[in-house]
């Protein structure tokens, strides 16, 4: 069948106050994992099953975070300065 892969450019990640908004237009997110630049996992959430989600309550200092976003069309990595 025709199963186009996820377009990383279409994935939107932005900080709103102390929360991180993630949108995956045209794809259903299954899970999100967040790592710091040392590769330590600071957050993980599965069972999202939606094209957008908000992550709040992250207990991290201001730093660069790497988000691993998994969807039914594949995974994408995004960097954000938190």
PDB file of N, CA and C in Angstrom:
ATOM      1  N   UNK A   1       0.819  -1.204   0.000  1.00  0.00           N
ATOM      2  CA  UNK A   1       0.000   0.000   0.000  1.00  0.00           C
ATOM      3  C   UNK A   1       0.850   1.250   0.000  1.00  0.00           C
ATOM      4  N   UNK A   2       0.205   2.375  -0.121  1.00  0.00           N
ATOM      5  CA  UNK A   2       0.910   3.653  -0.149  1.00  0.00           C
ATOM      6  C   UNK A   2       1.012   4.188   1.270  1.00  0.00           C
ATOM      7  N   UNK A   3       2.199   4.073   1.852  1.00  0.00           N
ATOM      8  CA  UNK A   3       2.391   4.531   3.227  1.00  0.00           C
ATOM      9  C   UNK A   3       3.547   5.519   3.258  1.00  0.00           C
ATOM     10  N   UNK A   4       3.279   6.784   2.918  1.00  0.00           N
ATOM     11  CA  UNK A   4       4.367   7.767   2.885  1.00  0.00           C
ATOM     12  C   UNK A   4       4.992   7.930   4.266  1.00  0.00           C
ATOM     13  N   UNK A   5       6.291   8.131   4.266  1.00  0.00           N
ATOM     14  CA  UNK A   5       6.969   8.289   5.554  1.00  0.00           C
ATOM     15  C   UNK A   5       6.714   9.685   6.110  1.00  0.00           C
ATOM     16  N   UNK A   6       6.992   9.821   7.375  1.00  0.00           N
ATOM     17  CA  UNK A   6       6.770  11.085   8.067  1.00  0.00           C
ATOM     18  C   UNK A   6       7.718  12.155   7.540  1.00  0.00           C
ATOM     19  N   UNK A   7       7.190  13.321   7.238  1.00  0.00           N
ATOM     20  CA  UNK A   7       8.011  14.449   6.814  1.00  0.00           C
ATOM     21  C   UNK A   7       8.460  15.214   8.054  1.00  0.00           C
ATOM     22  N   UNK A   8       9.761  15.134   8.339  1.00  0.00           N
ATOM     23  CA  UNK A   8      10.289  15.772   9.552  1.00  0.00           C
ATOM     24  C   UNK A   8      10.003  17.269   9.572  1.00  0.00           C
ATOM     25  N   UNK A   9       9.955  17.881   8.380  1.00  0.00           N
ATOM     26  CA  UNK A   9       9.719  19.324   8.314  1.00  0.00           C
ATOM     27  C   UNK A   9       8.312  19.689   8.771  1.00  0.00           C
ATOM     28  N   UNK A  10       7.388  18.741   8.660  1.00  0.00           N
ATOM     29  CA  UNK A  10       5.997  19.055   9.003  1.00  0.00           C
ATOM     30  C   UNK A  10       5.735  18.954  10.504  1.00  0.00           C
ATOM     31  N   UNK A  11       6.677  18.320  11.218  1.00  0.00           N
ATOM     32  CA  UNK A  11       6.499  18.160  12.666  1.00  0.00           C
ATOM     33  C   UNK A  11       6.826  19.478  13.355  1.00  0.00           C
ATOM     34  N   UNK A  12       5.900  19.947  14.172  1.00  0.00           N
ATOM     35  CA  UNK A  12       6.051  21.241  14.839  1.00  0.00           C
ATOM     36  C   UNK A  12       6.270  21.019  16.331  1.00  0.00           C
ATOM     37  N   UNK A  13       7.357  21.608  16.842  1.00  0.00           N
ATOM     38  CA  UNK A  13       7.657  21.524  18.273  1.00  0.00           C
ATOM     39  C   UNK A  13       7.921  22.937  18.765  1.00  0.00           C
ATOM     40  N   UNK A  14       7.165  23.389  19.761  1.00  0.00           N
ATOM     41  CA  UNK A  14       7.451  24.714  20.303  1.00  0.00           C
ATOM     42  C   UNK A  14       7.186  24.776  21.795  1.00  0.00           C
ATOM     43  N   UNK A  15       7.933  25.662  22.434  1.00  0.00           N
ATOM     44  CA  UNK A  15       7.831  25.839  23.873  1.00  0.00           C
ATOM     45  C   UNK A  15       6.780  26.903  24.161  1.00  0.00           C
ATOM     46  N   UNK A  16       5.957  26.646  25.163  1.00  0.00           N
ATOM     47  CA  UNK A  16       4.923  27.600  25.561  1.00  0.00           C
ATOM     48  C   UNK A  16       4.958  27.664  27.076  1.00  0.00           C
ATOM     49  N   UNK A  17       5.603  28.695  27.604  1.00  0.00           N
ATOM     50  CA  UNK A  17       5.812  28.742  29.046  1.00  0.00           C
ATOM     51  C   UNK A  17       6.735  27.610  29.453  1.00  0.00           C
ATOM     52  N   UNK A  18       6.266  26.748  30.368  1.00  0.00           N
ATOM     53  CA  UNK A  18       7.088  25.612  30.777  1.00  0.00           C
ATOM     54  C   UNK A  18       6.624  24.326  30.099  1.00  0.00           C
ATOM     55  N   UNK A  19       5.751  24.455  29.109  1.00  0.00           N
ATOM     56  CA  UNK A  19       5.243  23.277  28.401  1.00  0.00           C
ATOM     57  C   UNK A  19       5.838  23.201  27.001  1.00  0.00           C
ATOM     58  N   UNK A  20       5.827  22.002  26.440  1.00  0.00           N
ATOM     59  CA  UNK A  20       6.264  21.792  25.063  1.00  0.00           C
ATOM     60  C   UNK A  20       5.075  21.266  24.269  1.00  0.00           C
ATOM     61  N   UNK A  21       4.742  21.986  23.194  1.00  0.00           N
ATOM     62  CA  UNK A  21       3.667  21.553  22.298  1.00  0.00           C
ATOM     63  C   UNK A  21       4.279  20.790  21.136  1.00  0.00           C
ATOM     64  N   UNK A  22       3.676  19.660  20.791  1.00  0.00           N
ATOM     65  CA  UNK A  22       4.153  18.856  19.668  1.00  0.00           C
ATOM     66  C   UNK A  22       2.973  18.581  18.755  1.00  0.00           C
ATOM     67  N   UNK A  23       3.156  18.876  17.464  1.00  0.00           N
ATOM     68  CA  UNK A  23       2.115  18.592  16.477  1.00  0.00           C
ATOM     69  C   UNK A  23       2.731  17.780  15.337  1.00  0.00           C
ATOM     70  N   UNK A  24       2.040  16.710  14.950  1.00  0.00           N
ATOM     71  CA  UNK A  24       2.486  15.897  13.814  1.00  0.00           C
ATOM     72  C   UNK A  24       1.353  15.847  12.790  1.00  0.00           C
ATOM     73  N   UNK A  25       1.219  16.913  11.979  1.00  0.00           N
ATOM     74  CA  UNK A  25       0.110  16.979  11.023  1.00  0.00           C
ATOM     75  C   UNK A  25       0.136  15.788  10.066  1.00  0.00           C
ATOM     76  N   UNK A  26      -1.002  15.144   9.896  1.00  0.00           N
ATOM     77  CA  UNK A  26      -1.099  14.038   8.963  1.00  0.00           C
ATOM     78  C   UNK A  26      -0.544  12.724   9.480  1.00  0.00           C
ATOM     79  N   UNK A  27      -0.160  12.695  10.743  1.00  0.00           N
ATOM     80  CA  UNK A  27       0.354  11.454  11.328  1.00  0.00           C
ATOM     81  C   UNK A  27      -0.095  11.367  12.778  1.00  0.00           C
ATOM     82  N   UNK A  28      -0.350  10.149  13.241  1.00  0.00           N
ATOM     83  CA  UNK A  28      -0.769   9.946  14.628  1.00  0.00           C
ATOM     84  C   UNK A  28       0.454   9.589  15.466  1.00  0.00           C
ATOM     85  N   UNK A  29       0.708  10.413  16.481  1.00  0.00           N
ATOM     86  CA  UNK A  29       1.830  10.181  17.396  1.00  0.00           C
ATOM     87  C   UNK A  29       1.537   8.987  18.287  1.00  0.00           C
ATOM     88  N   UNK A  30       2.524   8.135  18.475  1.00  0.00           N
ATOM     89  CA  UNK A  30       2.334   7.030  19.420  1.00  0.00           C
ATOM     90  C   UNK A  30       3.077   7.292  20.722  1.00  0.00           C
ATOM     91  N   UNK A  31       4.299   7.837  20.630  1.00  0.00           N
ATOM     92  CA  UNK A  31       5.051   8.082  21.861  1.00  0.00           C
ATOM     93  C   UNK A  31       6.037   9.224  21.678  1.00  0.00           C
ATOM     94  N   UNK A  32       6.445   9.782  22.806  1.00  0.00           N
ATOM     95  CA  UNK A  32       7.458  10.836  22.828  1.00  0.00           C
ATOM     96  C   UNK A  32       8.455  10.505  23.928  1.00  0.00           C
ATOM     97  N   UNK A  33       9.731  10.570  23.592  1.00  0.00           N
ATOM     98  CA  UNK A  33      10.789  10.450  24.595  1.00  0.00           C
ATOM     99  C   UNK A  33      11.654  11.694  24.488  1.00  0.00           C
ATOM    100  N   UNK A  34      12.079  12.215  25.641  1.00  0.00           N
ATOM    101  CA  UNK A  34      12.904  13.420  25.651  1.00  0.00           C
ATOM    102  C   UNK A  34      14.228  13.108  26.328  1.00  0.00           C
ATOM    103  N   UNK A  35      15.310  13.537  25.676  1.00  0.00           N
ATOM    104  CA  UNK A  35      16.659  13.304  26.190  1.00  0.00           C
ATOM    105  C   UNK A  35      17.383  14.627  26.342  1.00  0.00           C
ATOM    106  N   UNK A  36      18.324  14.680  27.297  1.00  0.00           N
ATOM    107  CA  UNK A  36      19.204  15.843  27.347  1.00  0.00           C
ATOM    108  C   UNK A  36      20.391  15.581  26.422  1.00  0.00           C
ATOM    109  N   UNK A  37      21.284  16.572  26.302  1.00  0.00           N
ATOM    110  CA  UNK A  37      22.386  16.443  25.348  1.00  0.00           C
ATOM    111  C   UNK A  37      23.385  15.371  25.766  1.00  0.00           C
ATOM    112  N   UNK A  38      23.313  14.906  27.002  1.00  0.00           N
ATOM    113  CA  UNK A  38      24.183  13.811  27.441  1.00  0.00           C
ATOM    114  C   UNK A  38      23.547  12.452  27.155  1.00  0.00           C
ATOM    115  N   UNK A  39      22.358  12.468  26.563  1.00  0.00           N
ATOM    116  CA  UNK A  39      21.707  11.220  26.197  1.00  0.00           C
ATOM    117  C   UNK A  39      20.892  10.604  27.318  1.00  0.00           C
ATOM    118  N   UNK A  40      20.692  11.364  28.385  1.00  0.00           N
ATOM    119  CA  UNK A  40      19.909  10.866  29.519  1.00  0.00           C
ATOM    120  C   UNK A  40      18.428  11.123  29.261  1.00  0.00           C
ATOM    121  N   UNK A  41      17.603  10.086  29.445  1.00  0.00           N
ATOM    122  CA  UNK A  41      16.168  10.271  29.221  1.00  0.00           C
ATOM    123  C   UNK A  41      15.561  11.038  30.393  1.00  0.00           C
ATOM    124  N   UNK A  42      14.883  12.139  30.076  1.00  0.00           N
ATOM    125  CA  UNK A  42      14.271  12.951  31.128  1.00  0.00           C
ATOM    126  C   UNK A  42      12.743  12.863  31.114  1.00  0.00           C
ATOM    127  N   UNK A  43      12.190  12.230  30.064  1.00  0.00           N
ATOM    128  CA  UNK A  43      10.729  12.130  29.975  1.00  0.00           C
ATOM    129  C   UNK A  43      10.377  11.048  28.965  1.00  0.00           C
ATOM    130  N   UNK A  44       9.268  10.356  29.215  1.00  0.00           N
ATOM    131  CA  UNK A  44       8.775   9.379  28.251  1.00  0.00           C
ATOM    132  C   UNK A  44       7.268   9.270  28.400  1.00  0.00           C
ATOM    133  N   UNK A  45       6.569   9.240  27.281  1.00  0.00           N
ATOM    134  CA  UNK A  45       5.122   9.039  27.320  1.00  0.00           C
ATOM    135  C   UNK A  45       4.696   8.218  26.113  1.00  0.00           C
ATOM    136  N   UNK A  46       3.934   7.177  26.364  1.00  0.00           N
ATOM    137  CA  UNK A  46       3.396   6.358  25.279  1.00  0.00           C
ATOM    138  C   UNK A  46       1.885   6.484  25.216  1.00  0.00           C
ATOM    139  N   UNK A  47       1.287   5.784  24.273  1.00  0.00           N
ATOM    140  CA  UNK A  47      -0.165   5.747  24.160  1.00  0.00           C
ATOM    141  C   UNK A  47      -0.808   7.081  23.867  1.00  0.00           C
ATOM    142  N   UNK A  48      -0.126   7.925  23.105  1.00  0.00           N
ATOM    143  CA  UNK A  48      -0.674   9.256  22.821  1.00  0.00           C
ATOM    144  C   UNK A  48      -1.827   9.160  21.816  1.00  0.00           C
ATOM    145  N   UNK A  49      -1.576   8.477  20.704  1.00  0.00           N
ATOM    146  CA  UNK A  49      -2.619   8.231  19.692  1.00  0.00           C
ATOM    147  C   UNK A  49      -3.375   9.493  19.283  1.00  0.00           C
ATOM    148  N   UNK A  50      -2.633  10.558  19.005  1.00  0.00           N
ATOM    149  CA  UNK A  50      -3.223  11.822  18.581  1.00  0.00           C
ATOM    150  C   UNK A  50      -2.188  12.577  17.748  1.00  0.00           C
ATOM    151  N   UNK A  51      -2.643  13.504  16.892  1.00  0.00           N
ATOM    152  CA  UNK A  51      -1.692  14.274  16.090  1.00  0.00           C
ATOM    153  C   UNK A  51      -1.088  15.456  16.835  1.00  0.00           C
ATOM    154  N   UNK A  52      -1.513  15.687  18.077  1.00  0.00           N
ATOM    155  CA  UNK A  52      -0.838  16.711  18.873  1.00  0.00           C
ATOM    156  C   UNK A  52      -0.902  16.377  20.352  1.00  0.00           C
ATOM    157  N   UNK A  53       0.060  16.901  21.086  1.00  0.00           N
ATOM    158  CA  UNK A  53       0.097  16.677  22.526  1.00  0.00           C
ATOM    159  C   UNK A  53       0.851  17.820  23.186  1.00  0.00           C
ATOM    160  N   UNK A  54       0.625  17.998  24.466  1.00  0.00           N
ATOM    161  CA  UNK A  54       1.331  19.010  25.253  1.00  0.00           C
ATOM    162  C   UNK A  54       2.015  18.303  26.411  1.00  0.00           C
ATOM    163  N   UNK A  55       3.301  18.576  26.565  1.00  0.00           N
ATOM    164  CA  UNK A  55       4.064  17.996  27.667  1.00  0.00           C
ATOM    165  C   UNK A  55       4.362  19.108  28.658  1.00  0.00           C
ATOM    166  N   UNK A  56       3.917  18.913  29.893  1.00  0.00           N
ATOM    167  CA  UNK A  56       4.163  19.946  30.899  1.00  0.00           C
ATOM    168  C   UNK A  56       4.783  19.317  32.133  1.00  0.00           C
ATOM    169  N   UNK A  57       5.307  20.151  33.008  1.00  0.00           N
ATOM    170  CA  UNK A  57       5.874  19.665  34.253  1.00  0.00           C
ATOM    171  C   UNK A  57       7.248  19.048  34.120  1.00  0.00           C
ATOM    172  N   UNK A  58       7.981  19.409  33.070  1.00  0.00           N
ATOM    173  CA  UNK A  58       9.347  18.899  32.925  1.00  0.00           C
ATOM    174  C   UNK A  58      10.250  19.532  33.977  1.00  0.00           C
ATOM    175  N   UNK A  59      10.958  18.695  34.705  1.00  0.00           N
ATOM    176  CA  UNK A  59      11.866  19.196  35.744  1.00  0.00           C
ATOM    177  C   UNK A  59      13.288  19.249  35.198  1.00  0.00           C
ATOM    178  N   UNK A  60      13.544  20.199  34.312  1.00  0.00           N
ATOM    179  CA  UNK A  60      14.890  20.335  33.754  1.00  0.00           C
ATOM    180  C   UNK A  60      15.284  21.800  33.753  1.00  0.00           C
ATOM    181  N   UNK A  61      16.593  22.031  33.868  1.00  0.00           N
ATOM    182  CA  UNK A  61      17.072  23.406  33.778  1.00  0.00           C
ATOM    183  C   UNK A  61      17.050  23.817  32.310  1.00  0.00           C
ATOM    184  N   UNK A  62      17.293  25.103  32.070  1.00  0.00           N
ATOM    185  CA  UNK A  62      17.310  25.565  30.686  1.00  0.00           C
ATOM    186  C   UNK A  62      18.452  24.888  29.950  1.00  0.00           C
ATOM    187  N   UNK A  63      18.134  24.177  28.897  1.00  0.00           N
ATOM    188  CA  UNK A  63      19.130  23.427  28.146  1.00  0.00           C
ATOM    189  C   UNK A  63      18.517  22.982  26.837  1.00  0.00           C
ATOM    190  N   UNK A  64      19.372  22.425  25.991  1.00  0.00           N
ATOM    191  CA  UNK A  64      18.887  21.851  24.744  1.00  0.00           C
ATOM    192  C   UNK A  64      18.352  20.453  25.031  1.00  0.00           C
ATOM    193  N   UNK A  65      17.153  20.181  24.549  1.00  0.00           N
ATOM    194  CA  UNK A  65      16.555  18.855  24.704  1.00  0.00           C
ATOM    195  C   UNK A  65      16.350  18.239  23.326  1.00  0.00           C
ATOM    196  N   UNK A  66      16.476  16.926  23.261  1.00  0.00           N
ATOM    197  CA  UNK A  66      16.224  16.199  22.024  1.00  0.00           C
ATOM    198  C   UNK A  66      14.946  15.396  22.203  1.00  0.00           C
ATOM    199  N   UNK A  67      13.988  15.628  21.315  1.00  0.00           N
ATOM    200  CA  UNK A  67      12.713  14.919  21.369  1.00  0.00           C
ATOM    201  C   UNK A  67      12.698  13.828  20.310  1.00  0.00           C
ATOM    202  N   UNK A  68      12.434  12.605  20.733  1.00  0.00           N
ATOM    203  CA  UNK A  68      12.241  11.490  19.799  1.00  0.00           C
ATOM    204  C   UNK A  68      10.736  11.265  19.705  1.00  0.00           C
ATOM    205  N   UNK A  69      10.181  11.567  18.552  1.00  0.00           N
ATOM    206  CA  UNK A  69       8.739  11.510  18.363  1.00  0.00           C
ATOM    207  C   UNK A  69       8.415  10.340  17.437  1.00  0.00           C
ATOM    208  N   UNK A  70       7.663   9.373  17.936  1.00  0.00           N
ATOM    209  CA  UNK A  70       7.304   8.207  17.130  1.00  0.00           C
ATOM    210  C   UNK A  70       5.864   8.325  16.652  1.00  0.00           C
ATOM    211  N   UNK A  71       5.656   8.070  15.356  1.00  0.00           N
ATOM    212  CA  UNK A  71       4.311   8.064  14.784  1.00  0.00           C
ATOM    213  C   UNK A  71       4.124   6.778  13.985  1.00  0.00           C
ATOM    214  N   UNK A  72       2.913   6.583  13.493  1.00  0.00           N
ATOM    215  CA  UNK A  72       2.655   5.375  12.706  1.00  0.00           C
ATOM    216  C   UNK A  72       3.355   5.439  11.354  1.00  0.00           C
ATOM    217  N   UNK A  73       3.877   6.609  10.995  1.00  0.00           N
ATOM    218  CA  UNK A  73       4.596   6.758   9.722  1.00  0.00           C
ATOM    219  C   UNK A  73       6.107   6.825   9.927  1.00  0.00           C
ATOM    220  N   UNK A  74       6.553   6.556  11.137  1.00  0.00           N
ATOM    221  CA  UNK A  74       7.986   6.607  11.396  1.00  0.00           C
ATOM    222  C   UNK A  74       8.317   7.573  12.515  1.00  0.00           C
ATOM    223  N   UNK A  75       9.598   7.657  12.831  1.00  0.00           N
ATOM    224  CA  UNK A  75      10.049   8.492  13.945  1.00  0.00           C
ATOM    225  C   UNK A  75      10.836   9.690  13.435  1.00  0.00           C
ATOM    226  N   UNK A  76      10.848  10.724  14.255  1.00  0.00           N
ATOM    227  CA  UNK A  76      11.607  11.914  13.911  1.00  0.00           C
ATOM    228  C   UNK A  76      12.244  12.462  15.182  1.00  0.00           C
ATOM    229  N   UNK A  77      13.405  13.079  15.012  1.00  0.00           N
ATOM    230  CA  UNK A  77      14.138  13.692  16.122  1.00  0.00           C
ATOM    231  C   UNK A  77      14.060  15.201  15.983  1.00  0.00           C
ATOM    232  N   UNK A  78      13.761  15.889  17.086  1.00  0.00           N
ATOM    233  CA  UNK A  78      13.717  17.349  17.052  1.00  0.00           C
ATOM    234  C   UNK A  78      14.492  17.901  18.238  1.00  0.00           C
ATOM    235  N   UNK A  79      15.197  19.016  17.994  1.00  0.00           N
ATOM    236  CA  UNK A  79      15.893  19.695  19.083  1.00  0.00           C
ATOM    237  C   UNK A  79      15.105  20.924  19.487  1.00  0.00           C
ATOM    238  N   UNK A  80      15.117  21.216  20.786  1.00  0.00           N
ATOM    239  CA  UNK A  80      14.439  22.413  21.274  1.00  0.00           C
ATOM    240  C   UNK A  80      15.257  22.966  22.431  1.00  0.00           C
ATOM    241  N   UNK A  81      15.340  24.288  22.518  1.00  0.00           N
ATOM    242  CA  UNK A  81      15.986  24.904  23.680  1.00  0.00           C
ATOM    243  C   UNK A  81      14.907  25.135  24.710  1.00  0.00           C
ATOM    244  N   UNK A  82      15.012  24.440  25.844  1.00  0.00           N
ATOM    245  CA  UNK A  82      13.981  24.520  26.871  1.00  0.00           C
ATOM    246  C   UNK A  82      14.371  25.553  27.911  1.00  0.00           C
TER     247      UNK A  82
END
